[in-house]
Amino acid sequence: MPYSKSKIFSVEMGFTRQEFITLLENQDKLVYERAGNVVTFTFSNKTVRVTLGEEEVRRIASARIPMLEVSFNFLTTEKPEQAAFMKLFLTKFHKGGG
């Protein structure tokens, strides 16, 4: 999903909150400030606000998969900027699998 038609939307990501924060702190491409569960990114001289929601566990048979609701607010950006941000964000926050 490079961008959404909506400027505000949420996705479920397969992370614990701590895994997300560790990836955030270790990436070196996105400029950000973090205050608790709110991460404010500066991208193309615009602000993108990401809010970390509830951490849950999804059970599939005997597997337990962490799920973290992540909400995006792109009110200050246009679609091309939103698409570029999401492409970079999803690259930096890709998890697992070959």
N, C-alpha and C. Protein backbone atom coordinates (compact mmCIF):
# COMPACT_ATOMS: atom_id res chain seq x y z
N MET A 1 0.84 -1.17 0.00
CA MET A 1 0.00 0.00 0.00
C MET A 1 0.89 1.24 0.00
N PRO A 2 1.19 1.80 -1.15
CA PRO A 2 2.03 3.00 -1.16
C PRO A 2 1.34 4.21 -0.55
N TYR A 3 0.03 4.35 -0.72
CA TYR A 3 -0.71 5.42 -0.07
C TYR A 3 -2.17 5.02 0.02
N SER A 4 -2.87 5.72 0.87
CA SER A 4 -4.29 5.47 1.06
C SER A 4 -5.04 6.67 0.49
N LYS A 5 -6.27 6.47 0.07
CA LYS A 5 -7.08 7.60 -0.38
C LYS A 5 -7.38 8.53 0.78
N SER A 6 -7.36 7.99 1.97
CA SER A 6 -7.62 8.77 3.17
C SER A 6 -6.32 9.35 3.70
N LYS A 7 -6.39 10.52 4.28
CA LYS A 7 -5.20 11.13 4.87
C LYS A 7 -4.95 10.64 6.29
N ILE A 8 -5.96 9.97 6.87
CA ILE A 8 -5.82 9.38 8.21
C ILE A 8 -6.29 7.94 8.12
N PHE A 9 -5.41 7.01 8.49
CA PHE A 9 -5.78 5.59 8.43
C PHE A 9 -4.91 4.80 9.39
N SER A 10 -5.32 3.57 9.66
CA SER A 10 -4.58 2.69 10.57
C SER A 10 -4.29 1.37 9.89
N VAL A 11 -3.18 0.76 10.28
CA VAL A 11 -2.83 -0.57 9.81
C VAL A 11 -2.40 -1.40 11.02
N GLU A 12 -2.53 -2.71 10.89
CA GLU A 12 -2.02 -3.60 11.92
C GLU A 12 -0.66 -4.09 11.46
N MET A 13 0.33 -3.97 12.32
CA MET A 13 1.68 -4.42 11.99
C MET A 13 2.05 -5.54 12.95
N GLY A 14 2.81 -6.50 12.46
CA GLY A 14 3.19 -7.67 13.25
C GLY A 14 4.38 -7.42 14.15
N PHE A 15 4.23 -6.46 15.06
CA PHE A 15 5.29 -6.09 15.98
C PHE A 15 4.75 -5.96 17.39
N THR A 16 5.64 -6.12 18.35
CA THR A 16 5.34 -5.62 19.68
C THR A 16 5.72 -4.13 19.66
N ARG A 17 5.26 -3.39 20.64
CA ARG A 17 5.62 -1.97 20.73
C ARG A 17 7.13 -1.81 20.82
N GLN A 18 7.77 -2.67 21.63
CA GLN A 18 9.23 -2.57 21.79
C GLN A 18 9.97 -2.88 20.49
N GLU A 19 9.51 -3.85 19.72
CA GLU A 19 10.15 -4.14 18.43
C GLU A 19 10.03 -2.94 17.50
N PHE A 20 8.86 -2.32 17.46
CA PHE A 20 8.67 -1.14 16.62
C PHE A 20 9.63 -0.02 17.04
N ILE A 21 9.70 0.25 18.33
CA ILE A 21 10.56 1.32 18.83
C ILE A 21 12.03 1.02 18.54
N THR A 22 12.44 -0.23 18.68
CA THR A 22 13.82 -0.60 18.37
C THR A 22 14.13 -0.35 16.90
N LEU A 23 13.22 -0.76 16.00
CA LEU A 23 13.43 -0.49 14.57
C LEU A 23 13.47 1.01 14.30
N LEU A 24 12.60 1.76 14.95
CA LEU A 24 12.57 3.21 14.78
C LEU A 24 13.91 3.82 15.16
N GLU A 25 14.43 3.43 16.31
CA GLU A 25 15.68 4.00 16.80
C GLU A 25 16.89 3.57 15.97
N ASN A 26 16.82 2.40 15.33
CA ASN A 26 17.96 1.89 14.58
C ASN A 26 17.97 2.31 13.11
N GLN A 27 16.85 2.82 12.60
CA GLN A 27 16.82 3.25 11.20
C GLN A 27 17.49 4.62 11.09
N ASP A 28 18.00 4.93 9.90
CA ASP A 28 18.75 6.18 9.75
C ASP A 28 18.26 7.04 8.58
N LYS A 29 17.08 6.80 8.08
CA LYS A 29 16.57 7.54 6.93
C LYS A 29 15.45 8.51 7.27
N LEU A 30 14.65 8.20 8.26
CA LEU A 30 13.50 9.03 8.60
C LEU A 30 13.82 9.87 9.84
N VAL A 31 13.67 11.18 9.71
CA VAL A 31 13.89 12.09 10.83
C VAL A 31 12.62 12.13 11.66
N TYR A 32 12.77 11.98 12.98
CA TYR A 32 11.58 11.89 13.83
C TYR A 32 11.83 12.43 15.23
N GLU A 33 10.75 12.71 15.92
CA GLU A 33 10.74 12.97 17.35
C GLU A 33 9.68 12.07 17.95
N ARG A 34 9.96 11.51 19.10
CA ARG A 34 9.01 10.60 19.74
C ARG A 34 8.62 11.12 21.10
N ALA A 35 7.31 11.13 21.37
CA ALA A 35 6.78 11.48 22.68
C ALA A 35 5.78 10.39 23.04
N GLY A 36 6.23 9.41 23.81
CA GLY A 36 5.36 8.30 24.19
C GLY A 36 4.97 7.49 22.98
N ASN A 37 3.68 7.40 22.72
CA ASN A 37 3.17 6.60 21.60
C ASN A 37 2.99 7.40 20.32
N VAL A 38 3.43 8.66 20.31
CA VAL A 38 3.29 9.49 19.12
C VAL A 38 4.68 9.76 18.54
N VAL A 39 4.82 9.43 17.26
CA VAL A 39 6.06 9.66 16.54
C VAL A 39 5.76 10.69 15.45
N THR A 40 6.46 11.80 15.48
CA THR A 40 6.27 12.84 14.48
C THR A 40 7.48 12.84 13.55
N PHE A 41 7.22 12.50 12.30
CA PHE A 41 8.27 12.46 11.29
C PHE A 41 8.27 13.77 10.52
N THR A 42 9.46 14.23 10.14
CA THR A 42 9.59 15.34 9.21
C THR A 42 10.05 14.73 7.90
N PHE A 43 9.22 14.92 6.86
CA PHE A 43 9.49 14.31 5.57
C PHE A 43 9.12 15.31 4.48
N SER A 44 10.08 15.64 3.62
CA SER A 44 9.86 16.63 2.56
C SER A 44 9.32 17.94 3.14
N ASN A 45 9.89 18.34 4.26
CA ASN A 45 9.50 19.57 4.95
C ASN A 45 8.04 19.58 5.39
N LYS A 46 7.45 18.41 5.55
CA LYS A 46 6.08 18.27 6.03
C LYS A 46 6.10 17.38 7.26
N THR A 47 4.98 17.36 7.98
CA THR A 47 4.86 16.55 9.18
C THR A 47 3.95 15.36 8.94
N VAL A 48 4.43 14.20 9.33
CA VAL A 48 3.63 12.97 9.32
C VAL A 48 3.58 12.46 10.74
N ARG A 49 2.38 12.31 11.27
CA ARG A 49 2.23 11.85 12.65
C ARG A 49 1.80 10.39 12.65
N VAL A 50 2.54 9.58 13.41
CA VAL A 50 2.25 8.16 13.55
C VAL A 50 1.98 7.89 15.03
N THR A 51 0.85 7.26 15.29
CA THR A 51 0.47 6.96 16.67
C THR A 51 0.41 5.45 16.85
N LEU A 52 1.10 4.98 17.88
CA LEU A 52 1.09 3.55 18.20
C LEU A 52 -0.10 3.27 19.09
N GLY A 53 -0.93 2.33 18.66
CA GLY A 53 -2.14 1.99 19.40
C GLY A 53 -1.92 0.81 20.31
N GLU A 54 -2.99 0.06 20.48
CA GLU A 54 -2.96 -1.08 21.38
C GLU A 54 -2.12 -2.22 20.82
N GLU A 55 -1.37 -2.85 21.70
CA GLU A 55 -0.60 -4.05 21.36
C GLU A 55 -1.48 -5.25 21.68
N GLU A 56 -1.62 -6.14 20.72
CA GLU A 56 -2.45 -7.33 20.89
C GLU A 56 -1.67 -8.56 20.45
N VAL A 57 -2.27 -9.71 20.67
CA VAL A 57 -1.71 -10.97 20.20
C VAL A 57 -2.77 -11.66 19.38
N ARG A 58 -2.43 -12.01 18.14
CA ARG A 58 -3.34 -12.75 17.29
C ARG A 58 -2.94 -14.22 17.37
N ARG A 59 -3.94 -15.06 17.61
CA ARG A 59 -3.68 -16.50 17.72
C ARG A 59 -4.19 -17.19 16.47
N ILE A 60 -3.31 -17.95 15.85
CA ILE A 60 -3.67 -18.78 14.71
C ILE A 60 -3.19 -20.18 15.04
N ALA A 61 -4.14 -21.06 15.29
CA ALA A 61 -3.83 -22.41 15.80
C ALA A 61 -3.00 -22.24 17.07
N SER A 62 -1.80 -22.81 17.10
CA SER A 62 -0.98 -22.68 18.31
C SER A 62 0.00 -21.50 18.23
N ALA A 63 0.01 -20.79 17.10
CA ALA A 63 0.93 -19.66 16.93
C ALA A 63 0.37 -18.41 17.58
N ARG A 64 1.25 -17.63 18.16
CA ARG A 64 0.89 -16.34 18.74
C ARG A 64 1.68 -15.26 18.01
N ILE A 65 0.96 -14.36 17.35
CA ILE A 65 1.59 -13.33 16.54
C ILE A 65 1.29 -11.96 17.13
N PRO A 66 2.34 -11.17 17.43
CA PRO A 66 2.08 -9.84 17.97
C PRO A 66 1.45 -8.94 16.91
N MET A 67 0.56 -8.07 17.34
CA MET A 67 -0.07 -7.11 16.44
C MET A 67 -0.07 -5.75 17.13
N LEU A 68 0.32 -4.73 16.39
CA LEU A 68 0.34 -3.37 16.91
C LEU A 68 -0.42 -2.49 15.94
N GLU A 69 -1.45 -1.81 16.43
CA GLU A 69 -2.17 -0.88 15.57
C GLU A 69 -1.33 0.38 15.41
N VAL A 70 -1.09 0.78 14.15
CA VAL A 70 -0.29 1.95 13.85
C VAL A 70 -1.16 2.89 13.01
N SER A 71 -1.39 4.09 13.52
CA SER A 71 -2.23 5.07 12.83
C SER A 71 -1.37 6.14 12.19
N PHE A 72 -1.73 6.51 10.97
CA PHE A 72 -0.99 7.51 10.19
C PHE A 72 -1.86 8.73 9.98
N ASN A 73 -1.25 9.91 10.12
CA ASN A 73 -1.94 11.16 9.87
C ASN A 73 -1.10 11.94 8.85
N PHE A 74 -1.65 12.08 7.64
CA PHE A 74 -0.98 12.75 6.54
C PHE A 74 -1.66 14.06 6.17
N LEU A 75 -2.28 14.73 7.13
CA LEU A 75 -3.06 15.93 6.82
C LEU A 75 -2.24 17.05 6.18
N THR A 76 -0.94 17.10 6.43
CA THR A 76 -0.12 18.18 5.87
C THR A 76 0.58 17.80 4.57
N THR A 77 0.29 16.62 4.04
CA THR A 77 1.00 16.16 2.84
C THR A 77 0.05 15.95 1.67
N GLU A 78 0.64 15.89 0.49
CA GLU A 78 -0.10 15.55 -0.72
C GLU A 78 0.17 14.08 -1.05
N LYS A 79 -0.61 13.52 -1.98
CA LYS A 79 -0.50 12.09 -2.31
C LYS A 79 0.91 11.66 -2.71
N PRO A 80 1.64 12.41 -3.54
CA PRO A 80 3.00 11.95 -3.89
C PRO A 80 3.92 11.86 -2.67
N GLU A 81 3.80 12.81 -1.75
CA GLU A 81 4.61 12.76 -0.52
C GLU A 81 4.19 11.60 0.36
N GLN A 82 2.87 11.37 0.44
CA GLN A 82 2.36 10.25 1.23
C GLN A 82 2.88 8.93 0.68
N ALA A 83 2.84 8.78 -0.64
CA ALA A 83 3.32 7.55 -1.27
C ALA A 83 4.82 7.36 -1.04
N ALA A 84 5.59 8.43 -1.17
CA ALA A 84 7.04 8.34 -0.95
C ALA A 84 7.36 7.99 0.50
N PHE A 85 6.65 8.62 1.44
CA PHE A 85 6.86 8.32 2.85
C PHE A 85 6.54 6.86 3.14
N MET A 86 5.38 6.40 2.69
CA MET A 86 4.97 5.02 2.97
C MET A 86 5.94 4.01 2.37
N LYS A 87 6.44 4.29 1.19
CA LYS A 87 7.41 3.38 0.56
C LYS A 87 8.66 3.27 1.45
N LEU A 88 9.18 4.39 1.90
CA LEU A 88 10.37 4.37 2.76
C LEU A 88 10.04 3.76 4.12
N PHE A 89 8.91 4.14 4.70
CA PHE A 89 8.51 3.62 6.01
C PHE A 89 8.40 2.09 5.96
N LEU A 90 7.69 1.58 4.97
CA LEU A 90 7.49 0.13 4.88
C LEU A 90 8.81 -0.61 4.61
N THR A 91 9.73 0.04 3.91
CA THR A 91 11.06 -0.57 3.71
C THR A 91 11.80 -0.67 5.03
N LYS A 92 11.77 0.39 5.82
CA LYS A 92 12.49 0.43 7.09
C LYS A 92 11.83 -0.43 8.16
N PHE A 93 10.53 -0.67 8.04
CA PHE A 93 9.81 -1.44 9.06
C PHE A 93 9.36 -2.79 8.54
N HIS A 94 10.05 -3.31 7.53
CA HIS A 94 9.77 -4.64 7.02
C HIS A 94 10.27 -5.66 8.02
N LYS A 95 9.48 -6.69 8.24
CA LYS A 95 9.87 -7.69 9.22
C LYS A 95 9.84 -9.08 8.60
N GLY A 96 10.92 -9.82 8.85
CA GLY A 96 10.96 -11.24 8.57
C GLY A 96 10.87 -11.66 7.11
N GLY A 97 10.79 -12.95 6.97
CA GLY A 97 10.50 -13.61 5.69
C GLY A 97 11.49 -13.36 4.58
N GLY A 98 11.62 -14.34 3.73
CA GLY A 98 12.53 -14.22 2.59
C GLY A 98 11.78 -14.19 1.38
